[in-house]
Amino acid sequence: MSENQTLYHTIGGEARLRELVDRFYDLMELEPEFAGIHALHPTPNDSSREKLFMFLSGWMGGPDLFVERHGHPRLRARHLPFGIGTSERDQWLRAMAWAMEDIGMDEDLRMRLMQSFYQTADWMRNKAD
């Protein structure tokens, strides 16, 4: 990745980010190990898919879609109604790691993203284990 290129462009832009988010939510719905985080999402989860896509677009340096539509992400505040502990954090991270692998994302990029995802996911914890 060149210094001038954003993560958004490095991963392949809109289509590739959409593929990642869709695979993440598909895994959440299909795999029993993600039942804990799946239960925290509305059914159907179309709005959650779209919000994650919009957030990650801006977070990765692409179009700031979430901010344009919803304002500042306020991630922790928006997630306070949901009990997020270590188990939920780890399920989210595992589902994202699996999704990145499934879509064939480069291993170095996956590791770089997982470091950032871990920091954010850990910060989102709001209940004692």
N, C-alpha and C. Protein backbone atom coordinates (compact mmCIF):
# COMPACT_ATOMS: atom_id res chain seq x y z
N MET A 1 0.84 -1.17 0.00
CA MET A 1 0.00 0.00 0.00
C MET A 1 0.89 1.23 0.00
N SER A 2 0.67 2.13 -0.93
CA SER A 2 1.44 3.36 -0.97
C SER A 2 0.92 4.30 0.11
N GLU A 3 1.75 5.25 0.50
CA GLU A 3 1.36 6.19 1.55
C GLU A 3 0.18 7.05 1.13
N ASN A 4 0.00 7.25 -0.15
CA ASN A 4 -1.08 8.10 -0.66
C ASN A 4 -2.38 7.33 -0.87
N GLN A 5 -2.35 6.04 -0.78
CA GLN A 5 -3.53 5.23 -1.04
C GLN A 5 -4.24 4.91 0.27
N THR A 6 -5.55 5.08 0.28
CA THR A 6 -6.32 4.79 1.48
C THR A 6 -6.58 3.29 1.60
N LEU A 7 -6.93 2.87 2.80
CA LEU A 7 -7.34 1.48 3.01
C LEU A 7 -8.52 1.14 2.10
N TYR A 8 -9.43 2.08 1.95
CA TYR A 8 -10.61 1.89 1.11
C TYR A 8 -10.20 1.47 -0.30
N HIS A 9 -9.23 2.17 -0.86
CA HIS A 9 -8.77 1.83 -2.20
C HIS A 9 -7.91 0.56 -2.20
N THR A 10 -7.14 0.37 -1.15
CA THR A 10 -6.29 -0.81 -1.06
C THR A 10 -7.12 -2.09 -1.04
N ILE A 11 -8.25 -2.08 -0.32
CA ILE A 11 -9.06 -3.30 -0.27
C ILE A 11 -9.86 -3.52 -1.53
N GLY A 12 -10.00 -2.48 -2.37
CA GLY A 12 -10.72 -2.64 -3.63
C GLY A 12 -11.95 -1.77 -3.77
N GLY A 13 -12.11 -0.79 -2.89
CA GLY A 13 -13.20 0.17 -3.03
C GLY A 13 -14.55 -0.36 -2.60
N GLU A 14 -15.57 0.28 -3.12
CA GLU A 14 -16.95 0.03 -2.70
C GLU A 14 -17.38 -1.43 -2.85
N ALA A 15 -17.13 -2.01 -4.00
CA ALA A 15 -17.60 -3.38 -4.24
C ALA A 15 -16.94 -4.37 -3.28
N ARG A 16 -15.67 -4.20 -3.05
CA ARG A 16 -14.94 -5.11 -2.18
C ARG A 16 -15.35 -4.92 -0.72
N LEU A 17 -15.56 -3.68 -0.31
CA LEU A 17 -16.03 -3.42 1.04
C LEU A 17 -17.42 -3.99 1.24
N ARG A 18 -18.28 -3.85 0.26
CA ARG A 18 -19.63 -4.43 0.35
C ARG A 18 -19.54 -5.95 0.48
N GLU A 19 -18.63 -6.57 -0.27
CA GLU A 19 -18.44 -8.01 -0.19
C GLU A 19 -18.00 -8.42 1.22
N LEU A 20 -17.09 -7.66 1.81
CA LEU A 20 -16.61 -7.95 3.16
C LEU A 20 -17.75 -7.85 4.17
N VAL A 21 -18.49 -6.77 4.13
CA VAL A 21 -19.58 -6.58 5.08
C VAL A 21 -20.66 -7.64 4.92
N ASP A 22 -21.00 -7.95 3.68
CA ASP A 22 -22.01 -8.99 3.45
C ASP A 22 -21.55 -10.35 3.96
N ARG A 23 -20.29 -10.68 3.73
CA ARG A 23 -19.79 -11.97 4.22
C ARG A 23 -19.78 -12.00 5.74
N PHE A 24 -19.39 -10.88 6.36
CA PHE A 24 -19.40 -10.78 7.82
C PHE A 24 -20.80 -11.06 8.37
N TYR A 25 -21.81 -10.42 7.82
CA TYR A 25 -23.17 -10.63 8.32
C TYR A 25 -23.72 -12.01 7.95
N ASP A 26 -23.33 -12.52 6.79
CA ASP A 26 -23.74 -13.88 6.44
C ASP A 26 -23.19 -14.88 7.45
N LEU A 27 -21.93 -14.74 7.81
CA LEU A 27 -21.32 -15.63 8.80
C LEU A 27 -22.02 -15.50 10.15
N MET A 28 -22.34 -14.27 10.51
CA MET A 28 -23.02 -14.04 11.78
C MET A 28 -24.37 -14.77 11.82
N GLU A 29 -25.05 -14.78 10.70
CA GLU A 29 -26.35 -15.45 10.63
C GLU A 29 -26.23 -16.97 10.56
N LEU A 30 -25.18 -17.46 9.91
CA LEU A 30 -25.07 -18.88 9.63
C LEU A 30 -24.32 -19.70 10.67
N GLU A 31 -23.37 -19.11 11.34
CA GLU A 31 -22.48 -19.87 12.21
C GLU A 31 -22.93 -19.79 13.67
N PRO A 32 -23.16 -20.92 14.31
CA PRO A 32 -23.60 -20.94 15.71
C PRO A 32 -22.65 -20.21 16.67
N GLU A 33 -21.36 -20.18 16.36
CA GLU A 33 -20.42 -19.53 17.27
C GLU A 33 -20.63 -18.02 17.36
N PHE A 34 -21.44 -17.48 16.45
CA PHE A 34 -21.69 -16.03 16.46
C PHE A 34 -23.11 -15.71 16.94
N ALA A 35 -23.77 -16.67 17.57
CA ALA A 35 -25.15 -16.48 18.03
C ALA A 35 -25.28 -15.31 19.00
N GLY A 36 -24.28 -15.09 19.82
CA GLY A 36 -24.33 -14.00 20.79
C GLY A 36 -24.44 -12.64 20.14
N ILE A 37 -23.62 -12.39 19.14
CA ILE A 37 -23.69 -11.08 18.48
C ILE A 37 -24.85 -11.02 17.49
N HIS A 38 -25.20 -12.16 16.94
CA HIS A 38 -26.34 -12.17 16.03
C HIS A 38 -27.61 -11.75 16.76
N ALA A 39 -27.75 -12.20 18.00
CA ALA A 39 -28.94 -11.87 18.79
C ALA A 39 -29.04 -10.38 19.11
N LEU A 40 -27.95 -9.65 19.02
CA LEU A 40 -27.95 -8.21 19.31
C LEU A 40 -28.43 -7.38 18.12
N HIS A 41 -28.59 -8.01 16.97
CA HIS A 41 -28.96 -7.30 15.74
C HIS A 41 -30.42 -7.51 15.39
N PRO A 42 -31.04 -6.51 14.74
CA PRO A 42 -32.42 -6.68 14.31
C PRO A 42 -32.54 -7.71 13.19
N THR A 43 -33.72 -8.27 13.07
CA THR A 43 -34.00 -9.20 11.97
C THR A 43 -35.11 -8.59 11.12
N PRO A 44 -34.90 -8.45 9.83
CA PRO A 44 -33.66 -8.69 9.10
C PRO A 44 -32.61 -7.65 9.49
N ASN A 45 -31.36 -7.94 9.17
CA ASN A 45 -30.27 -7.05 9.58
C ASN A 45 -29.80 -6.12 8.46
N ASP A 46 -30.66 -5.84 7.50
CA ASP A 46 -30.29 -4.99 6.37
C ASP A 46 -29.77 -3.62 6.82
N SER A 47 -30.44 -3.03 7.82
CA SER A 47 -30.00 -1.70 8.27
C SER A 47 -28.63 -1.79 8.95
N SER A 48 -28.38 -2.86 9.67
CA SER A 48 -27.07 -3.03 10.31
C SER A 48 -25.98 -3.22 9.26
N ARG A 49 -26.25 -4.01 8.25
CA ARG A 49 -25.29 -4.21 7.15
C ARG A 49 -24.94 -2.87 6.52
N GLU A 50 -25.97 -2.09 6.23
CA GLU A 50 -25.76 -0.81 5.56
C GLU A 50 -24.98 0.15 6.44
N LYS A 51 -25.30 0.19 7.72
CA LYS A 51 -24.59 1.11 8.62
C LYS A 51 -23.12 0.72 8.77
N LEU A 52 -22.83 -0.58 8.87
CA LEU A 52 -21.43 -0.99 8.96
C LEU A 52 -20.70 -0.65 7.67
N PHE A 53 -21.33 -0.90 6.54
CA PHE A 53 -20.72 -0.55 5.26
C PHE A 53 -20.41 0.94 5.20
N MET A 54 -21.39 1.77 5.55
CA MET A 54 -21.20 3.22 5.49
C MET A 54 -20.11 3.67 6.45
N PHE A 55 -20.12 3.11 7.67
CA PHE A 55 -19.10 3.48 8.65
C PHE A 55 -17.71 3.09 8.16
N LEU A 56 -17.54 1.83 7.74
CA LEU A 56 -16.22 1.37 7.31
C LEU A 56 -15.73 2.13 6.07
N SER A 57 -16.63 2.55 5.22
CA SER A 57 -16.24 3.33 4.05
C SER A 57 -15.47 4.58 4.49
N GLY A 58 -16.04 5.34 5.39
CA GLY A 58 -15.37 6.55 5.87
C GLY A 58 -14.15 6.24 6.73
N TRP A 59 -14.26 5.22 7.57
CA TRP A 59 -13.18 4.84 8.47
C TRP A 59 -11.94 4.42 7.68
N MET A 60 -12.15 3.83 6.51
CA MET A 60 -11.05 3.37 5.67
C MET A 60 -10.56 4.44 4.69
N GLY A 61 -11.12 5.63 4.77
CA GLY A 61 -10.65 6.71 3.92
C GLY A 61 -11.42 6.89 2.64
N GLY A 62 -12.54 6.18 2.50
CA GLY A 62 -13.41 6.35 1.34
C GLY A 62 -14.48 7.39 1.63
N PRO A 63 -15.54 7.37 0.86
CA PRO A 63 -16.63 8.32 1.10
C PRO A 63 -17.15 8.20 2.54
N ASP A 64 -17.37 9.33 3.17
CA ASP A 64 -17.79 9.37 4.57
C ASP A 64 -19.31 9.25 4.67
N LEU A 65 -19.82 8.14 4.20
CA LEU A 65 -21.26 7.92 4.05
C LEU A 65 -22.02 7.95 5.36
N PHE A 66 -21.47 7.36 6.40
CA PHE A 66 -22.17 7.31 7.68
C PHE A 66 -22.35 8.72 8.24
N VAL A 67 -21.30 9.50 8.24
CA VAL A 67 -21.36 10.87 8.77
C VAL A 67 -22.34 11.70 7.95
N GLU A 68 -22.32 11.54 6.64
CA GLU A 68 -23.24 12.29 5.79
C GLU A 68 -24.70 12.00 6.11
N ARG A 69 -25.01 10.76 6.44
CA ARG A 69 -26.40 10.37 6.68
C ARG A 69 -26.80 10.45 8.16
N HIS A 70 -25.88 10.07 9.06
CA HIS A 70 -26.24 9.92 10.47
C HIS A 70 -25.49 10.85 11.41
N GLY A 71 -24.54 11.61 10.92
CA GLY A 71 -23.73 12.45 11.79
C GLY A 71 -22.56 11.67 12.37
N HIS A 72 -21.93 12.24 13.38
CA HIS A 72 -20.77 11.62 14.00
C HIS A 72 -21.11 10.20 14.44
N PRO A 73 -20.21 9.23 14.21
CA PRO A 73 -20.52 7.84 14.55
C PRO A 73 -20.83 7.59 16.03
N ARG A 74 -20.16 8.28 16.95
CA ARG A 74 -20.40 8.06 18.38
C ARG A 74 -20.57 6.57 18.67
N LEU A 75 -19.61 5.79 18.23
CA LEU A 75 -19.73 4.33 18.28
C LEU A 75 -20.10 3.80 19.66
N ARG A 76 -19.38 4.21 20.64
CA ARG A 76 -19.65 3.67 21.98
C ARG A 76 -21.04 4.07 22.45
N ALA A 77 -21.43 5.30 22.28
CA ALA A 77 -22.75 5.76 22.70
C ALA A 77 -23.86 5.02 21.96
N ARG A 78 -23.68 4.80 20.67
CA ARG A 78 -24.71 4.11 19.88
C ARG A 78 -24.85 2.64 20.28
N HIS A 79 -23.79 2.08 20.84
CA HIS A 79 -23.82 0.67 21.22
C HIS A 79 -24.12 0.44 22.70
N LEU A 80 -24.26 1.49 23.48
CA LEU A 80 -24.53 1.33 24.92
C LEU A 80 -25.79 0.52 25.23
N PRO A 81 -26.84 0.60 24.42
CA PRO A 81 -28.02 -0.21 24.74
C PRO A 81 -27.79 -1.72 24.62
N PHE A 82 -26.68 -2.13 24.05
CA PHE A 82 -26.40 -3.54 23.83
C PHE A 82 -25.28 -3.99 24.75
N GLY A 83 -25.49 -5.09 25.43
CA GLY A 83 -24.47 -5.62 26.31
C GLY A 83 -23.31 -6.20 25.51
N ILE A 84 -22.17 -5.55 25.59
CA ILE A 84 -20.98 -6.00 24.85
C ILE A 84 -19.88 -6.29 25.86
N GLY A 85 -19.57 -7.56 25.98
CA GLY A 85 -18.49 -8.01 26.86
C GLY A 85 -17.39 -8.64 26.03
N THR A 86 -16.53 -9.35 26.70
CA THR A 86 -15.41 -10.00 26.01
C THR A 86 -15.89 -11.02 24.99
N SER A 87 -16.93 -11.78 25.32
CA SER A 87 -17.44 -12.79 24.39
C SER A 87 -17.96 -12.15 23.11
N GLU A 88 -18.73 -11.08 23.24
CA GLU A 88 -19.28 -10.40 22.06
C GLU A 88 -18.16 -9.76 21.24
N ARG A 89 -17.20 -9.15 21.94
CA ARG A 89 -16.04 -8.58 21.24
C ARG A 89 -15.34 -9.64 20.43
N ASP A 90 -15.07 -10.78 21.07
CA ASP A 90 -14.32 -11.84 20.39
C ASP A 90 -15.12 -12.46 19.24
N GLN A 91 -16.43 -12.58 19.40
CA GLN A 91 -17.26 -13.09 18.31
C GLN A 91 -17.20 -12.14 17.12
N TRP A 92 -17.30 -10.83 17.38
CA TRP A 92 -17.26 -9.84 16.29
C TRP A 92 -15.92 -9.94 15.56
N LEU A 93 -14.85 -10.00 16.33
CA LEU A 93 -13.52 -10.06 15.73
C LEU A 93 -13.33 -11.35 14.93
N ARG A 94 -13.79 -12.47 15.46
CA ARG A 94 -13.66 -13.75 14.75
C ARG A 94 -14.46 -13.74 13.46
N ALA A 95 -15.67 -13.20 13.51
CA ALA A 95 -16.50 -13.14 12.29
C ALA A 95 -15.84 -12.25 11.24
N MET A 96 -15.25 -11.13 11.67
CA MET A 96 -14.59 -10.23 10.72
C MET A 96 -13.33 -10.88 10.15
N ALA A 97 -12.56 -11.54 11.00
CA ALA A 97 -11.35 -12.22 10.51
C ALA A 97 -11.71 -13.29 9.49
N TRP A 98 -12.75 -14.05 9.78
CA TRP A 98 -13.21 -15.11 8.88
C TRP A 98 -13.70 -14.51 7.57
N ALA A 99 -14.45 -13.41 7.65
CA ALA A 99 -14.96 -12.75 6.44
C ALA A 99 -13.81 -12.25 5.57
N MET A 100 -12.81 -11.64 6.18
CA MET A 100 -11.67 -11.14 5.41
C MET A 100 -10.94 -12.29 4.72
N GLU A 101 -10.79 -13.40 5.43
CA GLU A 101 -10.13 -14.56 4.84
C GLU A 101 -10.97 -15.13 3.69
N ASP A 102 -12.28 -15.24 3.91
CA ASP A 102 -13.17 -15.81 2.89
C ASP A 102 -13.17 -15.02 1.59
N ILE A 103 -13.03 -13.70 1.68
CA ILE A 103 -13.06 -12.92 0.44
C ILE A 103 -11.67 -12.81 -0.19
N GLY A 104 -10.68 -13.46 0.44
CA GLY A 104 -9.35 -13.51 -0.15
C GLY A 104 -8.51 -12.28 0.08
N MET A 105 -8.76 -11.57 1.17
CA MET A 105 -7.97 -10.39 1.47
C MET A 105 -6.54 -10.80 1.82
N ASP A 106 -5.59 -10.04 1.36
CA ASP A 106 -4.18 -10.26 1.61
C ASP A 106 -3.90 -10.38 3.12
N GLU A 107 -3.07 -11.33 3.49
CA GLU A 107 -2.81 -11.60 4.91
C GLU A 107 -2.23 -10.40 5.65
N ASP A 108 -1.31 -9.68 5.05
CA ASP A 108 -0.74 -8.51 5.71
C ASP A 108 -1.80 -7.45 5.97
N LEU A 109 -2.67 -7.25 5.01
CA LEU A 109 -3.76 -6.29 5.18
C LEU A 109 -4.74 -6.76 6.25
N ARG A 110 -5.03 -8.05 6.26
CA ARG A 110 -5.92 -8.60 7.30
C ARG A 110 -5.34 -8.35 8.69
N MET A 111 -4.05 -8.59 8.85
CA MET A 111 -3.42 -8.39 10.16
C MET A 111 -3.46 -6.92 10.56
N ARG A 112 -3.21 -6.05 9.61
CA ARG A 112 -3.25 -4.60 9.89
C ARG A 112 -4.64 -4.17 10.32
N LEU A 113 -5.64 -4.64 9.59
CA LEU A 113 -7.02 -4.29 9.93
C LEU A 113 -7.43 -4.89 11.27
N MET A 114 -7.02 -6.13 11.54
CA MET A 114 -7.41 -6.76 12.80
C MET A 114 -6.85 -6.01 14.00
N GLN A 115 -5.67 -5.45 13.89
CA GLN A 115 -5.12 -4.65 14.99
C GLN A 115 -6.03 -3.46 15.29
N SER A 116 -6.47 -2.78 14.25
CA SER A 116 -7.36 -1.63 14.44
C SER A 116 -8.73 -2.07 14.90
N PHE A 117 -9.24 -3.15 14.32
CA PHE A 117 -10.55 -3.65 14.73
C PHE A 117 -10.53 -4.07 16.20
N TYR A 118 -9.44 -4.69 16.64
CA TYR A 118 -9.35 -5.11 18.03
C TYR A 118 -9.42 -3.90 18.96
N GLN A 119 -8.67 -2.86 18.65
CA GLN A 119 -8.68 -1.67 19.50
C GLN A 119 -10.08 -1.10 19.63
N THR A 120 -10.79 -1.00 18.52
CA THR A 120 -12.14 -0.45 18.55
C THR A 120 -13.10 -1.40 19.25
N ALA A 121 -13.04 -2.68 18.92
CA ALA A 121 -13.96 -3.65 19.53
C ALA A 121 -13.74 -3.75 21.03
N ASP A 122 -12.50 -3.68 21.47
CA ASP A 122 -12.23 -3.75 22.89
C ASP A 122 -12.77 -2.51 23.61
N TRP A 123 -12.66 -1.37 22.98
CA TRP A 123 -13.16 -0.11 23.53
C TRP A 123 -14.69 -0.12 23.63
N MET A 124 -15.35 -0.92 22.81
CA MET A 124 -16.81 -0.97 22.79
C MET A 124 -17.40 -1.78 23.95
N ARG A 125 -16.57 -2.56 24.64
CA ARG A 125 -17.08 -3.36 25.75
C ARG A 125 -17.73 -2.45 26.80
N ASN A 126 -18.92 -2.85 27.25
CA ASN A 126 -19.65 -2.01 28.19
C ASN A 126 -20.32 -2.84 29.30
N LYS A 127 -19.94 -4.08 29.42
CA LYS A 127 -20.47 -4.90 30.52
C LYS A 127 -19.36 -5.76 31.10
N ALA A 128 -19.51 -6.05 32.37
CA ALA A 128 -18.52 -6.90 33.05
C ALA A 128 -18.69 -8.34 32.58
N ASP A 129 -17.60 -9.05 32.58
CA ASP A 129 -17.65 -10.46 32.19
C ASP A 129 -17.93 -11.34 33.38
